Amino acid sequence: MMAELHSSKREDTQVITRSEREKCWIARDKYFACLDKNRIMSVANQDSSMCANERSDVDSLCRQSWVDYFIQRRERTLQIDAMKRFRTQQAHDELDAREATSREELRNKFVKR
């Protein structure tokens, strides 16, 4: 069973105090730590039993719109980080290839055959 994005029990029309916001953020951080620990990148692909307690806390302590925003922001941030790592690795690979070519050119120029 897949987790739903819109499962927060908290109504968006309720006034939320500073203390309640802090509890929400703590619950969010614990939920995301659980997702990270279990290497869950996307909530849509999550096994519903994994991190269920943490998700329940988020749903009960946070506004629904916040839950949706937190999840979308986390997933987007993970995608951006993955793209940055890929591009960095590509740049390193290109640099290694250029250095190897330069070394070979120098070797050919100065070493008699």
N, C-alpha and C. Protein backbone atom coordinates (compact mmCIF):
# COMPACT_ATOMS: atom_id res chain seq x y z
N MET A 1 0.84 -1.18 0.00
CA MET A 1 0.00 0.00 0.00
C MET A 1 0.89 1.24 0.00
N MET A 2 0.58 2.19 -0.81
CA MET A 2 1.40 3.39 -0.94
C MET A 2 0.88 4.49 -0.03
N ALA A 3 1.82 5.31 0.46
CA ALA A 3 1.46 6.45 1.31
C ALA A 3 0.80 7.53 0.45
N GLU A 4 -0.17 8.18 1.02
CA GLU A 4 -0.84 9.26 0.31
C GLU A 4 -0.20 10.59 0.68
N LEU A 5 -0.15 11.49 -0.28
CA LEU A 5 0.35 12.83 0.03
C LEU A 5 -0.65 13.61 0.87
N HIS A 6 -1.91 13.40 0.65
CA HIS A 6 -2.95 14.20 1.30
C HIS A 6 -3.60 13.45 2.45
N SER A 7 -2.79 13.05 3.42
CA SER A 7 -3.37 12.29 4.52
C SER A 7 -3.32 13.03 5.85
N SER A 8 -2.94 14.30 5.83
CA SER A 8 -2.84 15.06 7.07
C SER A 8 -4.23 15.26 7.66
N LYS A 9 -4.31 15.07 8.97
CA LYS A 9 -5.59 15.22 9.67
C LYS A 9 -5.81 16.66 10.13
N ARG A 10 -4.79 17.47 10.05
CA ARG A 10 -4.84 18.84 10.53
C ARG A 10 -5.49 19.73 9.48
N GLU A 11 -6.49 20.48 9.87
CA GLU A 11 -7.19 21.37 8.95
C GLU A 11 -6.38 22.63 8.69
N ASP A 12 -6.32 23.07 7.46
CA ASP A 12 -5.56 24.27 7.12
C ASP A 12 -6.20 25.55 7.67
N THR A 13 -7.43 25.50 8.08
CA THR A 13 -8.11 26.70 8.57
C THR A 13 -7.88 26.91 10.06
N GLN A 14 -7.34 25.95 10.78
CA GLN A 14 -7.09 26.10 12.21
C GLN A 14 -5.90 27.02 12.45
N VAL A 15 -5.97 27.79 13.51
CA VAL A 15 -4.85 28.63 13.92
C VAL A 15 -3.81 27.71 14.54
N ILE A 16 -2.56 27.93 14.17
CA ILE A 16 -1.49 27.09 14.69
C ILE A 16 -0.51 27.96 15.46
N THR A 17 -0.19 27.56 16.67
CA THR A 17 0.68 28.35 17.54
C THR A 17 2.15 28.04 17.23
N ARG A 18 3.02 28.87 17.79
CA ARG A 18 4.46 28.66 17.62
C ARG A 18 4.87 27.29 18.16
N SER A 19 4.36 26.94 19.30
CA SER A 19 4.67 25.64 19.92
C SER A 19 4.22 24.49 19.01
N GLU A 20 3.04 24.63 18.42
CA GLU A 20 2.54 23.59 17.51
C GLU A 20 3.39 23.51 16.25
N ARG A 21 3.84 24.66 15.75
CA ARG A 21 4.73 24.66 14.57
C ARG A 21 6.02 23.91 14.88
N GLU A 22 6.58 24.21 16.05
CA GLU A 22 7.83 23.55 16.44
C GLU A 22 7.63 22.03 16.54
N LYS A 23 6.50 21.61 17.10
CA LYS A 23 6.22 20.17 17.19
C LYS A 23 6.10 19.57 15.79
N CYS A 24 5.48 20.31 14.89
CA CYS A 24 5.33 19.86 13.50
C CYS A 24 6.71 19.68 12.87
N TRP A 25 7.57 20.67 13.04
CA TRP A 25 8.90 20.62 12.42
C TRP A 25 9.74 19.48 13.00
N ILE A 26 9.61 19.24 14.29
CA ILE A 26 10.33 18.12 14.91
C ILE A 26 9.83 16.80 14.34
N ALA A 27 8.51 16.67 14.21
CA ALA A 27 7.93 15.45 13.64
C ALA A 27 8.38 15.27 12.19
N ARG A 28 8.40 16.36 11.43
CA ARG A 28 8.88 16.31 10.04
C ARG A 28 10.32 15.83 9.99
N ASP A 29 11.17 16.40 10.83
CA ASP A 29 12.58 16.03 10.84
C ASP A 29 12.77 14.56 11.19
N LYS A 30 12.00 14.06 12.14
CA LYS A 30 12.08 12.64 12.51
C LYS A 30 11.61 11.75 11.36
N TYR A 31 10.56 12.16 10.69
CA TYR A 31 10.04 11.40 9.55
C TYR A 31 11.07 11.36 8.42
N PHE A 32 11.65 12.50 8.10
CA PHE A 32 12.65 12.54 7.04
C PHE A 32 13.90 11.77 7.42
N ALA A 33 14.27 11.78 8.69
CA ALA A 33 15.42 10.99 9.15
C ALA A 33 15.14 9.50 8.95
N CYS A 34 13.92 9.09 9.23
CA CYS A 34 13.54 7.69 9.01
C CYS A 34 13.59 7.35 7.52
N LEU A 35 13.07 8.23 6.68
CA LEU A 35 13.11 8.00 5.23
C LEU A 35 14.56 7.90 4.76
N ASP A 36 15.42 8.79 5.24
CA ASP A 36 16.83 8.78 4.85
C ASP A 36 17.50 7.49 5.32
N LYS A 37 17.24 7.11 6.55
CA LYS A 37 17.84 5.88 7.12
C LYS A 37 17.46 4.66 6.28
N ASN A 38 16.24 4.66 5.78
CA ASN A 38 15.75 3.53 4.99
C ASN A 38 15.94 3.74 3.48
N ARG A 39 16.66 4.80 3.14
CA ARG A 39 16.97 5.12 1.75
C ARG A 39 15.72 5.23 0.87
N ILE A 40 14.72 5.89 1.41
CA ILE A 40 13.47 6.10 0.67
C ILE A 40 13.54 7.49 0.06
N MET A 41 13.62 7.54 -1.26
CA MET A 41 13.73 8.82 -1.97
C MET A 41 12.37 9.45 -2.20
N SER A 42 11.40 8.63 -2.54
CA SER A 42 10.08 9.15 -2.90
C SER A 42 9.01 8.53 -2.01
N VAL A 43 8.19 9.37 -1.41
CA VAL A 43 7.12 8.90 -0.55
C VAL A 43 6.11 8.09 -1.35
N ALA A 44 5.92 8.42 -2.61
CA ALA A 44 4.97 7.70 -3.45
C ALA A 44 5.36 6.24 -3.62
N ASN A 45 6.67 5.95 -3.55
CA ASN A 45 7.14 4.57 -3.72
C ASN A 45 7.42 3.89 -2.39
N GLN A 46 6.99 4.50 -1.32
CA GLN A 46 7.30 4.01 0.02
C GLN A 46 6.39 2.87 0.42
N ASP A 47 6.97 1.86 1.06
CA ASP A 47 6.21 0.80 1.70
C ASP A 47 5.48 1.45 2.87
N SER A 48 4.17 1.31 2.94
CA SER A 48 3.39 2.03 3.94
C SER A 48 3.75 1.65 5.38
N SER A 49 4.35 0.49 5.59
CA SER A 49 4.72 0.09 6.94
C SER A 49 6.01 0.75 7.41
N MET A 50 6.83 1.19 6.46
CA MET A 50 8.10 1.84 6.83
C MET A 50 7.82 3.27 7.26
N CYS A 51 8.35 3.65 8.39
CA CYS A 51 8.22 5.02 8.93
C CYS A 51 6.76 5.40 9.20
N ALA A 52 5.91 4.41 9.41
CA ALA A 52 4.48 4.68 9.59
C ALA A 52 4.21 5.52 10.85
N ASN A 53 4.91 5.22 11.93
CA ASN A 53 4.70 5.99 13.16
C ASN A 53 5.12 7.44 12.98
N GLU A 54 6.26 7.64 12.33
CA GLU A 54 6.75 8.99 12.09
C GLU A 54 5.80 9.76 11.17
N ARG A 55 5.30 9.08 10.16
CA ARG A 55 4.36 9.73 9.22
C ARG A 55 3.06 10.09 9.93
N SER A 56 2.62 9.21 10.80
CA SER A 56 1.40 9.48 11.56
C SER A 56 1.56 10.73 12.42
N ASP A 57 2.73 10.88 13.04
CA ASP A 57 2.99 12.07 13.84
C ASP A 57 2.95 13.34 12.98
N VAL A 58 3.57 13.28 11.82
CA VAL A 58 3.56 14.43 10.92
C VAL A 58 2.12 14.77 10.52
N ASP A 59 1.36 13.75 10.17
CA ASP A 59 -0.01 13.99 9.74
C ASP A 59 -0.88 14.57 10.85
N SER A 60 -0.61 14.18 12.08
CA SER A 60 -1.45 14.68 13.17
C SER A 60 -0.99 16.04 13.69
N LEU A 61 0.29 16.38 13.49
CA LEU A 61 0.83 17.62 14.05
C LEU A 61 0.96 18.76 13.05
N CYS A 62 0.88 18.46 11.77
CA CYS A 62 1.12 19.49 10.75
C CYS A 62 -0.11 19.72 9.88
N ARG A 63 -0.18 20.91 9.34
CA ARG A 63 -1.24 21.21 8.36
C ARG A 63 -1.00 20.38 7.11
N GLN A 64 -2.07 20.02 6.47
CA GLN A 64 -1.96 19.20 5.26
C GLN A 64 -1.12 19.90 4.19
N SER A 65 -1.35 21.17 3.99
CA SER A 65 -0.59 21.88 2.96
C SER A 65 0.90 21.88 3.30
N TRP A 66 1.23 21.90 4.58
CA TRP A 66 2.63 21.85 5.00
C TRP A 66 3.23 20.48 4.70
N VAL A 67 2.46 19.44 5.01
CA VAL A 67 2.94 18.07 4.77
C VAL A 67 3.26 17.91 3.28
N ASP A 68 2.33 18.33 2.44
CA ASP A 68 2.56 18.22 1.00
C ASP A 68 3.79 19.02 0.57
N TYR A 69 3.91 20.24 1.10
CA TYR A 69 5.05 21.09 0.76
C TYR A 69 6.36 20.46 1.23
N PHE A 70 6.40 20.00 2.47
CA PHE A 70 7.62 19.39 3.01
C PHE A 70 8.08 18.22 2.15
N ILE A 71 7.14 17.37 1.79
CA ILE A 71 7.47 16.17 1.00
C ILE A 71 7.95 16.57 -0.39
N GLN A 72 7.23 17.47 -1.05
CA GLN A 72 7.64 17.91 -2.39
C GLN A 72 9.00 18.58 -2.36
N ARG A 73 9.24 19.40 -1.34
CA ARG A 73 10.53 20.10 -1.23
C ARG A 73 11.66 19.10 -0.99
N ARG A 74 11.43 18.11 -0.13
CA ARG A 74 12.46 17.10 0.14
C ARG A 74 12.80 16.34 -1.13
N GLU A 75 11.78 15.89 -1.84
CA GLU A 75 12.02 15.11 -3.06
C GLU A 75 12.73 15.94 -4.12
N ARG A 76 12.35 17.20 -4.25
CA ARG A 76 13.01 18.08 -5.23
C ARG A 76 14.46 18.32 -4.84
N THR A 77 14.71 18.54 -3.56
CA THR A 77 16.08 18.74 -3.08
C THR A 77 16.93 17.50 -3.33
N LEU A 78 16.38 16.31 -3.10
CA LEU A 78 17.11 15.07 -3.37
C LEU A 78 17.43 14.94 -4.86
N GLN A 79 16.48 15.32 -5.72
CA GLN A 79 16.73 15.27 -7.17
C GLN A 79 17.84 16.23 -7.57
N ILE A 80 17.80 17.44 -7.04
CA ILE A 80 18.83 18.43 -7.36
C ILE A 80 20.19 17.96 -6.87
N ASP A 81 20.25 17.44 -5.66
CA ASP A 81 21.52 16.94 -5.12
C ASP A 81 22.07 15.81 -5.98
N ALA A 82 21.20 14.92 -6.45
CA ALA A 82 21.64 13.81 -7.30
C ALA A 82 22.19 14.34 -8.62
N MET A 83 21.54 15.35 -9.20
CA MET A 83 22.03 15.94 -10.45
C MET A 83 23.38 16.61 -10.24
N LYS A 84 23.55 17.30 -9.12
CA LYS A 84 24.82 17.96 -8.82
C LYS A 84 25.94 16.93 -8.68
N ARG A 85 25.65 15.83 -7.97
CA ARG A 85 26.67 14.78 -7.82
C ARG A 85 27.03 14.18 -9.17
N PHE A 86 26.05 13.97 -10.03
CA PHE A 86 26.29 13.42 -11.36
C PHE A 86 27.16 14.37 -12.18
N ARG A 87 26.80 15.65 -12.16
CA ARG A 87 27.57 16.64 -12.93
C ARG A 87 29.00 16.77 -12.39
N THR A 88 29.15 16.73 -11.08
CA THR A 88 30.48 16.80 -10.48
C THR A 88 31.31 15.60 -10.91
N GLN A 89 30.70 14.42 -10.91
CA GLN A 89 31.42 13.22 -11.34
C GLN A 89 31.78 13.32 -12.82
N GLN A 90 30.87 13.84 -13.64
CA GLN A 90 31.18 14.04 -15.06
C GLN A 90 32.36 14.98 -15.23
N ALA A 91 32.37 16.07 -14.47
CA ALA A 91 33.46 17.04 -14.56
C ALA A 91 34.78 16.40 -14.15
N HIS A 92 34.76 15.61 -13.09
CA HIS A 92 35.97 14.92 -12.66
C HIS A 92 36.46 13.93 -13.72
N ASP A 93 35.52 13.22 -14.33
CA ASP A 93 35.88 12.26 -15.37
C ASP A 93 36.51 12.97 -16.58
N GLU A 94 35.92 14.11 -16.97
CA GLU A 94 36.46 14.88 -18.09
C GLU A 94 37.85 15.42 -17.77
N LEU A 95 38.02 15.91 -16.55
CA LEU A 95 39.32 16.42 -16.13
C LEU A 95 40.37 15.31 -16.13
N ASP A 96 40.00 14.14 -15.61
CA ASP A 96 40.92 13.00 -15.62
C ASP A 96 41.32 12.63 -17.05
N ALA A 97 40.35 12.65 -17.97
CA ALA A 97 40.64 12.31 -19.36
C ALA A 97 41.58 13.34 -19.98
N ARG A 98 41.35 14.63 -19.69
CA ARG A 98 42.23 15.68 -20.22
C ARG A 98 43.65 15.55 -19.66
N GLU A 99 43.74 15.28 -18.36
CA GLU A 99 45.05 15.12 -17.74
C GLU A 99 45.80 13.92 -18.32
N ALA A 100 45.08 12.84 -18.56
CA ALA A 100 45.71 11.65 -19.15
C ALA A 100 46.21 11.97 -20.56
N THR A 101 45.41 12.71 -21.32
CA THR A 101 45.81 13.10 -22.67
C THR A 101 47.04 14.01 -22.62
N SER A 102 47.03 14.98 -21.70
CA SER A 102 48.17 15.90 -21.55
C SER A 102 49.43 15.14 -21.16
N ARG A 103 49.31 14.21 -20.24
CA ARG A 103 50.47 13.42 -19.83
C ARG A 103 51.03 12.62 -21.01
N GLU A 104 50.12 12.05 -21.78
CA GLU A 104 50.55 11.26 -22.94
C GLU A 104 51.23 12.15 -23.98
N GLU A 105 50.68 13.35 -24.21
CA GLU A 105 51.29 14.28 -25.16
C GLU A 105 52.68 14.70 -24.70
N LEU A 106 52.83 14.99 -23.41
CA LEU A 106 54.15 15.35 -22.87
C LEU A 106 55.13 14.19 -23.00
N ARG A 107 54.66 13.01 -22.68
CA ARG A 107 55.51 11.83 -22.79
C ARG A 107 55.99 11.65 -24.22
N ASN A 108 55.07 11.81 -25.18
CA ASN A 108 55.43 11.65 -26.58
C ASN A 108 56.40 12.74 -27.05
N LYS A 109 56.26 13.93 -26.48
CA LYS A 109 57.10 15.05 -26.89
C LYS A 109 58.53 14.92 -26.36
N PHE A 110 58.67 14.45 -25.13
CA PHE A 110 59.99 14.45 -24.50
C PHE A 110 60.68 13.09 -24.40
N VAL A 111 59.96 12.05 -24.63
CA VAL A 111 60.57 10.71 -24.54
C VAL A 111 60.84 10.22 -25.96
N LYS A 112 62.07 9.89 -26.19
CA LYS A 112 62.44 9.39 -27.53
C LYS A 112 62.02 7.94 -27.63
N ARG A 113 61.58 7.60 -28.79
CA ARG A 113 61.16 6.21 -29.02
C ARG A 113 62.11 5.54 -29.94
